[in-house]
Each structure stands twice: as structure tokens, then as C-alpha cells.
């Protein structure tokens, strides 16, 4: 493929991402990738119509999220919207009470749900610790000193990186726990 075409597609994708104002790094990567793919696949039409079409494609991330999550969980979107929300390009929980006898248990269940949302809904394998911390803070379950320790003690999670670059993903048992908990929440 011609380098000029690639450069132009990257430039257009960067401009689009700036217009959208996405701040989360992981979501920015997804949006950028979709926009580049879109611009590379388009013929030389008017730049404005291409930008508007790419904008609608990238902003459909939320719609795609709900459909993928629904398929993965085997649940209706309306039920999932009573559990999850997307706010400022981040996945958070709507539910006010998380199961668990201890705060550590609650943090694990919250983390499992959030990671399940990112993995299944947005196709992200690894999620920055910052996103989990913000979701826990939003739900009132963040503990600066023990949050990471409580998660890493469980076989539900896998980690990579160190301190500021720490990332998490669900193991197979974590995915099963998240699905079971979602089914439990759907019956409440």
C-alpha cells in the first residue's frame, strides 16, 4: 500500500480522535484502530463525508459493546444496562451493592465484572489497573493499600507489568465467576 495513503489515513484518524476527546488510553487505541481501518478502506471521496462516516463508526463503540457483552453473557441488553454503564469512555457498575462477606471479596467480584465488561464488550485482553481502581472508587470499594493485593490473591485474575504499568485480565475461572455472578444479578 502506498505510504502517502497510510500517512493520510493516520492523520485523519488522529484528527477524529482529537474531536471525540477520548481520554482513556485503551479506548483511544480501539477508536484509533477502527478509524485507521475505516480511512484505509475508503476511496477518495470528499473528506468531510469520510470524517462523518468514521465518526459514526467510532461512536458506535458503545453500541458494539452492548451487543458483544450480551452475546458473551447470554443476557439481554436491558438487563446488562441495569448492571453496567459506560461513563466518560469507562465501564462502571450501576448496581449499588456487590456480593461478598468482606471488602476483599466485594473488590474481587467488582473487578471480575469490570474486567468481563472490558474483555467481552470491548475486546480488551489487558486492562490498566487505573481503570479498575476508578470503577472500585465509583462503587465505594477502593482501598489504596489493599486493592491490588486483594485481586492478585485470587486465581480469577492474571497480572502483568509493575506498579504504574500494572494490567489485569480474567483467567478462565474468573470469566466463569463473572458470568455466574451476572446471572445471579439478573434474577434479583
N, C-alpha and C. Protein backbone atom coordinates (compact mmCIF):
# COMPACT_ATOMS: atom_id res chain seq x y z
N UNK A 1 0.85 -1.18 0.00
CA UNK A 1 0.00 0.00 0.00
C UNK A 1 0.90 1.24 0.00
N UNK A 2 0.47 2.25 -0.68
CA UNK A 2 1.23 3.49 -0.80
C UNK A 2 1.39 4.17 0.56
N UNK A 3 2.60 4.62 0.86
CA UNK A 3 2.88 5.27 2.15
C UNK A 3 2.07 6.55 2.34
N UNK A 4 1.82 7.26 1.27
CA UNK A 4 1.03 8.51 1.37
C UNK A 4 -0.40 8.21 1.81
N UNK A 5 -0.96 7.14 1.31
CA UNK A 5 -2.32 6.75 1.70
C UNK A 5 -2.36 6.40 3.18
N UNK A 6 -1.35 5.65 3.63
CA UNK A 6 -1.27 5.27 5.05
C UNK A 6 -1.10 6.51 5.92
N UNK A 7 -0.20 7.40 5.54
CA UNK A 7 0.02 8.65 6.30
C UNK A 7 -1.27 9.46 6.39
N UNK A 8 -1.98 9.56 5.28
CA UNK A 8 -3.23 10.33 5.24
C UNK A 8 -4.28 9.69 6.17
N UNK A 9 -4.38 8.37 6.14
CA UNK A 9 -5.35 7.67 7.00
C UNK A 9 -5.01 7.88 8.46
N UNK A 10 -3.73 7.81 8.82
CA UNK A 10 -3.31 8.03 10.21
C UNK A 10 -3.60 9.45 10.64
N UNK A 11 -3.33 10.40 9.76
CA UNK A 11 -3.61 11.82 10.07
C UNK A 11 -5.10 12.04 10.30
N UNK A 12 -5.93 11.48 9.42
CA UNK A 12 -7.38 11.63 9.56
C UNK A 12 -7.87 10.97 10.85
N UNK A 13 -7.32 9.81 11.18
CA UNK A 13 -7.73 9.11 12.39
C UNK A 13 -7.33 9.92 13.63
N UNK A 14 -6.13 10.47 13.64
CA UNK A 14 -5.70 11.32 14.75
C UNK A 14 -6.61 12.52 14.94
N UNK A 15 -6.97 13.17 13.83
CA UNK A 15 -7.88 14.33 13.90
C UNK A 15 -9.23 13.94 14.48
N UNK A 16 -9.72 12.79 14.05
CA UNK A 16 -11.02 12.31 14.53
C UNK A 16 -10.98 12.02 16.02
N UNK A 17 -9.94 11.36 16.49
CA UNK A 17 -9.80 11.03 17.90
C UNK A 17 -9.73 12.31 18.74
N UNK A 18 -9.03 13.31 18.24
CA UNK A 18 -8.97 14.60 18.95
C UNK A 18 -10.35 15.22 19.07
N UNK A 19 -11.14 15.17 17.98
CA UNK A 19 -12.50 15.71 18.00
C UNK A 19 -13.37 15.00 19.03
N UNK A 20 -13.20 13.68 19.14
CA UNK A 20 -14.01 12.90 20.07
C UNK A 20 -13.64 13.17 21.53
N UNK A 21 -12.40 13.53 21.78
CA UNK A 21 -11.96 13.83 23.15
C UNK A 21 -11.87 12.61 24.05
N UNK A 22 -11.59 11.46 23.48
CA UNK A 22 -11.44 10.24 24.28
C UNK A 22 -10.15 10.35 25.07
N UNK A 23 -10.23 10.18 26.39
CA UNK A 23 -9.05 10.32 27.22
C UNK A 23 -8.46 8.99 27.65
N UNK A 24 -9.26 7.97 27.80
CA UNK A 24 -8.76 6.67 28.24
C UNK A 24 -7.88 6.07 27.15
N UNK A 25 -6.68 5.66 27.52
CA UNK A 25 -5.69 5.17 26.56
C UNK A 25 -6.17 3.94 25.80
N UNK A 26 -6.75 2.98 26.51
CA UNK A 26 -7.19 1.75 25.86
C UNK A 26 -8.30 2.01 24.86
N UNK A 27 -9.28 2.81 25.24
CA UNK A 27 -10.38 3.12 24.33
C UNK A 27 -9.90 3.97 23.16
N UNK A 28 -8.92 4.83 23.42
CA UNK A 28 -8.34 5.65 22.35
C UNK A 28 -7.68 4.75 21.31
N UNK A 29 -6.99 3.70 21.76
CA UNK A 29 -6.34 2.75 20.84
C UNK A 29 -7.38 2.06 19.96
N UNK A 30 -8.47 1.63 20.58
CA UNK A 30 -9.53 0.95 19.83
C UNK A 30 -10.14 1.88 18.79
N UNK A 31 -10.48 3.08 19.23
CA UNK A 31 -11.09 4.06 18.32
C UNK A 31 -10.14 4.41 17.19
N UNK A 32 -8.88 4.62 17.51
CA UNK A 32 -7.87 4.96 16.50
C UNK A 32 -7.75 3.83 15.48
N UNK A 33 -7.67 2.60 15.96
CA UNK A 33 -7.54 1.45 15.07
C UNK A 33 -8.74 1.35 14.12
N UNK A 34 -9.94 1.52 14.67
CA UNK A 34 -11.14 1.46 13.84
C UNK A 34 -11.14 2.58 12.80
N UNK A 35 -10.73 3.78 13.23
CA UNK A 35 -10.72 4.92 12.31
C UNK A 35 -9.69 4.71 11.20
N UNK A 36 -8.49 4.23 11.53
CA UNK A 36 -7.47 3.98 10.50
C UNK A 36 -7.98 2.94 9.52
N UNK A 37 -8.54 1.84 10.03
CA UNK A 37 -9.10 0.81 9.14
C UNK A 37 -10.15 1.40 8.22
N UNK A 38 -10.99 2.25 8.80
CA UNK A 38 -12.06 2.87 8.01
C UNK A 38 -11.47 3.74 6.90
N UNK A 39 -10.54 4.61 7.26
CA UNK A 39 -9.97 5.52 6.27
C UNK A 39 -9.14 4.79 5.22
N UNK A 40 -8.48 3.71 5.58
CA UNK A 40 -7.72 2.94 4.60
C UNK A 40 -8.64 2.21 3.63
N UNK A 41 -9.81 1.85 4.09
CA UNK A 41 -10.75 1.11 3.25
C UNK A 41 -11.61 1.98 2.36
N UNK A 42 -11.50 3.27 2.48
CA UNK A 42 -12.36 4.18 1.72
C UNK A 42 -11.68 4.66 0.45
N UNK A 43 -12.50 4.91 -0.57
CA UNK A 43 -11.99 5.51 -1.80
C UNK A 43 -11.90 7.01 -1.57
N UNK A 44 -11.26 7.70 -2.45
CA UNK A 44 -11.07 9.15 -2.32
C UNK A 44 -12.38 9.88 -2.61
N UNK A 45 -13.23 9.95 -1.61
CA UNK A 45 -14.45 10.74 -1.69
C UNK A 45 -14.16 12.07 -1.03
N UNK A 46 -15.20 12.81 -0.76
CA UNK A 46 -14.98 14.09 -0.07
C UNK A 46 -14.53 13.82 1.35
N UNK A 47 -13.57 14.58 1.82
CA UNK A 47 -13.02 14.39 3.15
C UNK A 47 -14.04 14.53 4.25
N UNK A 48 -15.01 15.46 4.09
CA UNK A 48 -16.00 15.70 5.14
C UNK A 48 -16.91 14.49 5.33
N UNK A 49 -17.39 13.90 4.24
CA UNK A 49 -18.29 12.75 4.39
C UNK A 49 -17.54 11.56 4.98
N UNK A 50 -16.25 11.41 4.63
CA UNK A 50 -15.46 10.34 5.20
C UNK A 50 -15.30 10.54 6.71
N UNK A 51 -15.05 11.77 7.12
CA UNK A 51 -14.87 12.05 8.54
C UNK A 51 -16.16 11.79 9.30
N UNK A 52 -17.29 12.20 8.76
CA UNK A 52 -18.57 11.98 9.43
C UNK A 52 -18.88 10.48 9.51
N UNK A 53 -18.59 9.73 8.46
CA UNK A 53 -18.83 8.29 8.50
C UNK A 53 -17.93 7.61 9.51
N UNK A 54 -16.67 8.02 9.57
CA UNK A 54 -15.75 7.45 10.55
C UNK A 54 -16.17 7.82 11.96
N UNK A 55 -16.66 9.04 12.13
CA UNK A 55 -17.13 9.48 13.44
C UNK A 55 -18.27 8.59 13.91
N UNK A 56 -19.21 8.30 13.03
CA UNK A 56 -20.33 7.43 13.43
C UNK A 56 -19.83 6.01 13.70
N UNK A 57 -18.83 5.56 12.95
CA UNK A 57 -18.26 4.23 13.19
C UNK A 57 -17.62 4.15 14.57
N UNK A 58 -16.81 5.14 14.89
CA UNK A 58 -16.11 5.13 16.17
C UNK A 58 -17.08 5.32 17.33
N UNK A 59 -18.08 6.16 17.17
CA UNK A 59 -19.02 6.37 18.26
C UNK A 59 -19.96 5.19 18.44
N UNK A 60 -19.92 4.25 17.51
CA UNK A 60 -20.71 3.02 17.68
C UNK A 60 -20.03 2.03 18.60
N UNK A 61 -18.90 2.41 19.18
CA UNK A 61 -18.20 1.54 20.11
C UNK A 61 -19.15 1.13 21.24
N UNK A 62 -19.92 2.09 21.75
CA UNK A 62 -20.83 1.78 22.86
C UNK A 62 -21.89 0.79 22.42
N UNK A 63 -22.45 1.00 21.23
CA UNK A 63 -23.47 0.07 20.73
C UNK A 63 -22.88 -1.32 20.53
N UNK A 64 -21.68 -1.39 19.96
CA UNK A 64 -20.99 -2.67 19.79
C UNK A 64 -20.73 -3.33 21.15
N UNK A 65 -20.36 -2.50 22.12
CA UNK A 65 -20.09 -3.01 23.47
C UNK A 65 -21.29 -3.78 23.99
N UNK A 66 -22.48 -3.18 23.92
CA UNK A 66 -23.67 -3.84 24.47
C UNK A 66 -23.99 -5.14 23.75
N UNK A 67 -23.84 -5.15 22.44
CA UNK A 67 -24.16 -6.37 21.69
C UNK A 67 -23.16 -7.50 21.99
N UNK A 68 -21.88 -7.16 22.04
CA UNK A 68 -20.88 -8.19 22.35
C UNK A 68 -21.05 -8.71 23.77
N UNK A 69 -21.29 -7.80 24.70
CA UNK A 69 -21.46 -8.19 26.09
C UNK A 69 -22.70 -9.08 26.25
N UNK A 70 -23.75 -8.72 25.56
CA UNK A 70 -24.98 -9.51 25.60
C UNK A 70 -24.75 -10.93 25.09
N UNK A 71 -24.04 -11.05 24.00
CA UNK A 71 -23.74 -12.38 23.46
C UNK A 71 -22.87 -13.19 24.41
N UNK A 72 -21.84 -12.56 24.94
CA UNK A 72 -20.90 -13.27 25.82
C UNK A 72 -21.57 -13.72 27.13
N UNK A 73 -22.43 -12.87 27.67
CA UNK A 73 -23.08 -13.17 28.94
C UNK A 73 -24.33 -14.03 28.75
N UNK A 74 -24.86 -14.06 27.53
CA UNK A 74 -26.10 -14.78 27.28
C UNK A 74 -27.29 -14.09 27.95
N UNK A 75 -27.24 -12.75 27.97
CA UNK A 75 -28.28 -11.97 28.65
C UNK A 75 -28.76 -10.85 27.73
N UNK A 76 -29.95 -10.36 28.00
CA UNK A 76 -30.49 -9.25 27.22
C UNK A 76 -29.79 -7.95 27.59
N UNK A 77 -29.68 -7.07 26.61
CA UNK A 77 -29.01 -5.79 26.80
C UNK A 77 -29.66 -4.98 27.91
N UNK A 78 -30.98 -5.00 27.99
CA UNK A 78 -31.69 -4.21 29.01
C UNK A 78 -31.28 -4.63 30.42
N UNK A 79 -31.09 -5.92 30.62
CA UNK A 79 -30.66 -6.42 31.93
C UNK A 79 -29.24 -5.97 32.22
N UNK A 80 -28.37 -6.06 31.20
CA UNK A 80 -26.97 -5.64 31.37
C UNK A 80 -26.86 -4.15 31.67
N UNK A 81 -27.77 -3.36 31.11
CA UNK A 81 -27.75 -1.91 31.37
C UNK A 81 -28.17 -1.58 32.80
N UNK A 82 -28.78 -2.55 33.50
CA UNK A 82 -29.09 -2.37 34.92
C UNK A 82 -27.88 -2.72 35.79
N UNK A 83 -26.84 -3.28 35.18
CA UNK A 83 -25.64 -3.69 35.91
C UNK A 83 -24.45 -2.80 35.54
N UNK A 84 -24.27 -2.55 34.24
CA UNK A 84 -23.13 -1.78 33.73
C UNK A 84 -23.57 -0.42 33.18
N UNK A 85 -22.60 0.48 33.09
CA UNK A 85 -22.78 1.72 32.37
C UNK A 85 -21.44 2.11 31.76
N UNK A 86 -21.49 2.92 30.73
CA UNK A 86 -20.26 3.48 30.17
C UNK A 86 -20.34 4.98 30.41
N UNK A 87 -19.38 5.48 31.16
CA UNK A 87 -19.36 6.90 31.51
C UNK A 87 -17.96 7.44 31.26
N UNK A 88 -17.88 8.51 30.49
CA UNK A 88 -16.58 9.09 30.13
C UNK A 88 -15.65 8.03 29.56
N UNK A 89 -16.17 7.22 28.67
CA UNK A 89 -15.41 6.16 27.99
C UNK A 89 -14.88 5.09 28.93
N UNK A 90 -15.50 4.91 30.08
CA UNK A 90 -15.08 3.88 31.02
C UNK A 90 -16.28 3.04 31.44
N UNK A 91 -15.99 1.77 31.72
CA UNK A 91 -17.03 0.86 32.18
C UNK A 91 -17.12 0.96 33.70
N UNK A 92 -18.33 1.19 34.19
CA UNK A 92 -18.60 1.27 35.62
C UNK A 92 -19.80 0.39 35.93
N UNK A 93 -20.03 0.16 37.21
CA UNK A 93 -21.20 -0.61 37.62
C UNK A 93 -22.31 0.31 38.08
N UNK A 94 -23.53 -0.03 37.73
CA UNK A 94 -24.71 0.71 38.16
C UNK A 94 -25.19 0.19 39.50
N UNK A 95 -25.03 -1.10 39.72
CA UNK A 95 -25.53 -1.72 40.95
C UNK A 95 -24.86 -1.09 42.17
N UNK A 96 -25.62 -0.97 43.23
CA UNK A 96 -25.10 -0.28 44.42
C UNK A 96 -24.49 -1.23 45.44
N UNK A 97 -24.83 -2.50 45.36
CA UNK A 97 -24.31 -3.46 46.33
C UNK A 97 -23.66 -4.62 45.58
N UNK A 98 -22.43 -4.93 45.98
CA UNK A 98 -21.68 -6.04 45.40
C UNK A 98 -21.64 -7.16 46.43
N UNK A 99 -21.82 -8.40 45.98
CA UNK A 99 -21.82 -9.51 46.93
C UNK A 99 -20.42 -9.75 47.49
N UNK A 100 -20.39 -10.36 48.65
CA UNK A 100 -19.12 -10.69 49.31
C UNK A 100 -19.23 -10.43 50.80
N UNK A 101 -18.62 -11.33 51.57
CA UNK A 101 -18.67 -11.19 53.03
C UNK A 101 -17.69 -10.15 53.53
N UNK A 102 -16.61 -9.95 52.78
CA UNK A 102 -15.60 -8.96 53.18
C UNK A 102 -15.42 -7.96 52.05
N UNK A 103 -14.75 -6.87 52.37
CA UNK A 103 -14.46 -5.87 51.35
C UNK A 103 -13.58 -6.47 50.25
N UNK A 104 -12.65 -7.34 50.63
CA UNK A 104 -11.79 -8.00 49.64
C UNK A 104 -12.61 -8.85 48.67
N UNK A 105 -13.60 -9.58 49.18
CA UNK A 105 -14.49 -10.36 48.32
C UNK A 105 -15.25 -9.45 47.36
N UNK A 106 -15.77 -8.35 47.89
CA UNK A 106 -16.51 -7.40 47.06
C UNK A 106 -15.61 -6.82 45.98
N UNK A 107 -14.37 -6.51 46.31
CA UNK A 107 -13.43 -5.97 45.32
C UNK A 107 -13.16 -6.99 44.21
N UNK A 108 -13.06 -8.24 44.57
CA UNK A 108 -12.83 -9.29 43.56
C UNK A 108 -14.03 -9.42 42.63
N UNK A 109 -15.23 -9.43 43.20
CA UNK A 109 -16.42 -9.53 42.35
C UNK A 109 -16.57 -8.31 41.45
N UNK A 110 -16.36 -7.14 42.00
CA UNK A 110 -16.42 -5.92 41.20
C UNK A 110 -15.39 -5.99 40.07
N UNK A 111 -14.17 -6.36 40.39
CA UNK A 111 -13.10 -6.43 39.39
C UNK A 111 -13.43 -7.46 38.31
N UNK A 112 -14.00 -8.58 38.71
CA UNK A 112 -14.37 -9.62 37.75
C UNK A 112 -15.41 -9.09 36.77
N UNK A 113 -16.40 -8.37 37.28
CA UNK A 113 -17.43 -7.81 36.40
C UNK A 113 -16.85 -6.77 35.46
N UNK A 114 -16.05 -5.88 36.00
CA UNK A 114 -15.46 -4.81 35.18
C UNK A 114 -14.55 -5.40 34.10
N UNK A 115 -13.69 -6.33 34.48
CA UNK A 115 -12.79 -6.96 33.50
C UNK A 115 -13.57 -7.75 32.46
N UNK A 116 -14.65 -8.40 32.88
CA UNK A 116 -15.51 -9.12 31.94
C UNK A 116 -16.09 -8.13 30.93
N UNK A 117 -16.52 -6.97 31.41
CA UNK A 117 -17.06 -5.95 30.52
C UNK A 117 -16.04 -5.47 29.50
N UNK A 118 -14.83 -5.19 29.95
CA UNK A 118 -13.79 -4.74 29.03
C UNK A 118 -13.38 -5.85 28.06
N UNK A 119 -13.25 -7.07 28.57
CA UNK A 119 -12.80 -8.17 27.73
C UNK A 119 -13.85 -8.54 26.70
N UNK A 120 -15.04 -8.79 27.15
CA UNK A 120 -16.10 -9.27 26.25
C UNK A 120 -16.75 -8.13 25.46
N UNK A 121 -16.93 -6.99 26.11
CA UNK A 121 -17.62 -5.89 25.44
C UNK A 121 -16.75 -5.06 24.53
N UNK A 122 -15.48 -4.89 24.91
CA UNK A 122 -14.57 -4.05 24.12
C UNK A 122 -13.39 -4.81 23.53
N UNK A 123 -13.36 -6.12 23.73
CA UNK A 123 -12.29 -6.97 23.20
C UNK A 123 -10.91 -6.56 23.69
N UNK A 124 -10.81 -6.11 24.92
CA UNK A 124 -9.51 -5.78 25.51
C UNK A 124 -9.05 -6.96 26.36
N UNK A 125 -7.91 -7.50 26.04
CA UNK A 125 -7.38 -8.60 26.85
C UNK A 125 -6.86 -8.08 28.18
N UNK A 126 -6.06 -7.02 28.15
CA UNK A 126 -5.45 -6.48 29.36
C UNK A 126 -6.03 -5.11 29.65
N UNK A 127 -6.35 -4.88 30.91
CA UNK A 127 -6.97 -3.62 31.34
C UNK A 127 -6.06 -2.96 32.37
N UNK A 128 -5.84 -1.67 32.19
CA UNK A 128 -4.97 -0.92 33.11
C UNK A 128 -5.56 -0.92 34.51
N UNK A 129 -4.67 -1.07 35.50
CA UNK A 129 -5.09 -1.08 36.90
C UNK A 129 -5.86 0.20 37.24
N UNK A 130 -5.51 1.28 36.61
CA UNK A 130 -6.17 2.57 36.85
C UNK A 130 -7.68 2.48 36.58
N UNK A 131 -8.06 1.77 35.52
CA UNK A 131 -9.48 1.64 35.19
C UNK A 131 -10.23 0.84 36.25
N UNK A 132 -9.59 -0.20 36.75
CA UNK A 132 -10.22 -0.98 37.82
C UNK A 132 -10.34 -0.14 39.09
N UNK A 133 -9.30 0.59 39.40
CA UNK A 133 -9.31 1.44 40.60
C UNK A 133 -10.42 2.49 40.52
N UNK A 134 -10.59 3.08 39.34
CA UNK A 134 -11.64 4.09 39.18
C UNK A 134 -13.03 3.48 39.30
N UNK A 135 -13.21 2.27 38.78
CA UNK A 135 -14.50 1.58 38.91
C UNK A 135 -14.77 1.24 40.37
N UNK A 136 -13.74 0.79 41.08
CA UNK A 136 -13.88 0.48 42.51
C UNK A 136 -14.17 1.74 43.31
N UNK A 137 -13.50 2.83 42.98
CA UNK A 137 -13.73 4.10 43.65
C UNK A 137 -15.17 4.57 43.42
N UNK A 138 -15.64 4.43 42.18
CA UNK A 138 -17.01 4.82 41.84
C UNK A 138 -18.02 4.01 42.67
N UNK A 139 -17.71 2.76 42.94
CA UNK A 139 -18.60 1.89 43.71
C UNK A 139 -18.34 1.95 45.21
N UNK A 140 -17.39 2.79 45.63
CA UNK A 140 -17.08 2.93 47.05
C UNK A 140 -16.29 1.77 47.63
N UNK A 141 -15.58 1.03 46.78
CA UNK A 141 -14.85 -0.15 47.25
C UNK A 141 -13.35 -0.03 47.07
N UNK A 142 -12.86 1.15 46.76
CA UNK A 142 -11.42 1.28 46.54
C UNK A 142 -10.68 1.43 47.86
N UNK A 143 -9.61 0.68 47.98
CA UNK A 143 -8.74 0.73 49.15
C UNK A 143 -7.32 0.86 48.62
N UNK A 144 -6.73 2.02 48.78
CA UNK A 144 -5.43 2.32 48.20
C UNK A 144 -4.38 1.26 48.51
N UNK A 145 -4.36 0.76 49.72
CA UNK A 145 -3.29 -0.13 50.14
C UNK A 145 -3.52 -1.60 49.82
N UNK A 146 -4.76 -2.02 49.78
CA UNK A 146 -5.01 -3.46 49.66
C UNK A 146 -5.72 -3.88 48.38
N UNK A 147 -6.16 -2.95 47.59
CA UNK A 147 -6.94 -3.30 46.41
C UNK A 147 -6.19 -4.26 45.49
N UNK A 148 -4.99 -3.90 45.07
CA UNK A 148 -4.21 -4.76 44.16
C UNK A 148 -3.89 -6.10 44.82
N UNK A 149 -3.56 -6.06 46.09
CA UNK A 149 -3.24 -7.29 46.82
C UNK A 149 -4.45 -8.22 46.88
N UNK A 150 -5.62 -7.67 47.13
CA UNK A 150 -6.84 -8.48 47.21
C UNK A 150 -7.17 -9.15 45.88
N UNK A 151 -6.87 -8.46 44.79
CA UNK A 151 -7.16 -9.02 43.47
C UNK A 151 -6.14 -10.10 43.12
N UNK A 152 -4.87 -9.80 43.33
CA UNK A 152 -3.83 -10.74 42.92
C UNK A 152 -3.80 -12.02 43.76
N UNK A 153 -4.44 -12.02 44.90
CA UNK A 153 -4.51 -13.24 45.72
C UNK A 153 -5.46 -14.27 45.13
N UNK A 154 -6.30 -13.85 44.22
CA UNK A 154 -7.31 -14.74 43.65
C UNK A 154 -6.83 -15.34 42.33
N UNK A 155 -7.23 -16.59 42.08
CA UNK A 155 -6.88 -17.23 40.81
C UNK A 155 -7.80 -16.78 39.67
N UNK A 156 -8.69 -15.86 39.94
CA UNK A 156 -9.59 -15.32 38.92
C UNK A 156 -8.86 -14.37 37.98
N UNK A 157 -7.73 -13.85 38.41
CA UNK A 157 -7.07 -12.77 37.68
C UNK A 157 -5.65 -13.13 37.28
N UNK A 158 -5.21 -12.54 36.19
CA UNK A 158 -3.83 -12.60 35.74
C UNK A 158 -3.31 -11.16 35.70
N UNK A 159 -2.05 -10.99 36.01
CA UNK A 159 -1.47 -9.65 36.01
C UNK A 159 -0.20 -9.62 35.16
N UNK A 160 0.11 -8.44 34.69
CA UNK A 160 1.39 -8.20 34.04
C UNK A 160 1.78 -6.75 34.29
N UNK A 161 3.06 -6.49 34.22
CA UNK A 161 3.56 -5.14 34.46
C UNK A 161 3.86 -4.91 35.93
N UNK A 162 4.30 -3.71 36.22
CA UNK A 162 4.65 -3.34 37.58
C UNK A 162 4.06 -1.98 37.92
N UNK A 163 3.76 -1.78 39.13
CA UNK A 163 3.25 -0.56 39.73
C UNK A 163 2.41 0.27 38.77
N UNK A 164 2.98 1.30 38.15
CA UNK A 164 2.19 2.20 37.31
C UNK A 164 1.72 1.56 36.01
N UNK A 165 2.42 0.53 35.53
CA UNK A 165 2.03 -0.13 34.29
C UNK A 165 1.27 -1.42 34.51
N UNK A 166 0.81 -1.64 35.73
CA UNK A 166 0.12 -2.88 36.06
C UNK A 166 -1.17 -3.02 35.27
N UNK A 167 -1.38 -4.24 34.74
CA UNK A 167 -2.58 -4.54 33.98
C UNK A 167 -3.15 -5.87 34.44
N UNK A 168 -4.48 -6.00 34.26
CA UNK A 168 -5.17 -7.21 34.69
C UNK A 168 -5.98 -7.80 33.54
N UNK A 169 -6.21 -9.11 33.65
CA UNK A 169 -7.20 -9.77 32.81
C UNK A 169 -7.77 -10.93 33.59
N UNK A 170 -8.90 -11.43 33.15
CA UNK A 170 -9.55 -12.55 33.82
C UNK A 170 -8.97 -13.87 33.35
N UNK A 171 -8.83 -14.80 34.28
CA UNK A 171 -8.48 -16.18 33.93
C UNK A 171 -9.78 -16.87 33.52
N UNK A 172 -9.69 -18.12 33.11
CA UNK A 172 -10.89 -18.88 32.74
C UNK A 172 -11.84 -19.00 33.94
N UNK A 173 -11.29 -19.25 35.14
CA UNK A 173 -12.16 -19.35 36.31
C UNK A 173 -12.77 -17.98 36.64
N UNK A 174 -12.05 -16.90 36.37
CA UNK A 174 -12.59 -15.57 36.59
C UNK A 174 -13.74 -15.25 35.65
N UNK A 175 -13.62 -15.68 34.41
CA UNK A 175 -14.70 -15.49 33.44
C UNK A 175 -15.94 -16.24 33.89
N UNK A 176 -15.76 -17.47 34.35
CA UNK A 176 -16.89 -18.26 34.85
C UNK A 176 -17.55 -17.60 36.05
N UNK A 177 -16.74 -17.10 36.99
CA UNK A 177 -17.27 -16.41 38.17
C UNK A 177 -18.07 -15.17 37.76
N UNK A 178 -17.53 -14.39 36.82
CA UNK A 178 -18.21 -13.19 36.36
C UNK A 178 -19.55 -13.54 35.71
N UNK A 179 -19.56 -14.56 34.86
CA UNK A 179 -20.81 -14.98 34.20
C UNK A 179 -21.83 -15.46 35.23
N UNK A 180 -21.39 -16.26 36.18
CA UNK A 180 -22.30 -16.75 37.21
C UNK A 180 -22.86 -15.60 38.04
N UNK A 181 -22.02 -14.65 38.37
CA UNK A 181 -22.49 -13.51 39.16
C UNK A 181 -23.46 -12.65 38.35
N UNK A 182 -23.20 -12.49 37.06
CA UNK A 182 -24.13 -11.74 36.22
C UNK A 182 -25.50 -12.41 36.20
N UNK A 183 -25.51 -13.72 36.07
CA UNK A 183 -26.77 -14.47 36.08
C UNK A 183 -27.49 -14.31 37.41
N UNK A 184 -26.72 -14.32 38.47
CA UNK A 184 -27.29 -14.10 39.81
C UNK A 184 -27.90 -12.70 39.93
N UNK A 185 -27.18 -11.71 39.43
CA UNK A 185 -27.69 -10.33 39.47
C UNK A 185 -28.95 -10.16 38.62
N UNK A 186 -29.03 -10.89 37.54
CA UNK A 186 -30.19 -10.79 36.64
C UNK A 186 -31.46 -11.30 37.30
N UNK A 187 -31.33 -12.16 38.29
CA UNK A 187 -32.51 -12.73 38.96
C UNK A 187 -32.97 -11.88 40.13
N UNK A 188 -32.20 -10.90 40.52
CA UNK A 188 -32.58 -10.06 41.68
C UNK A 188 -33.67 -9.09 41.32
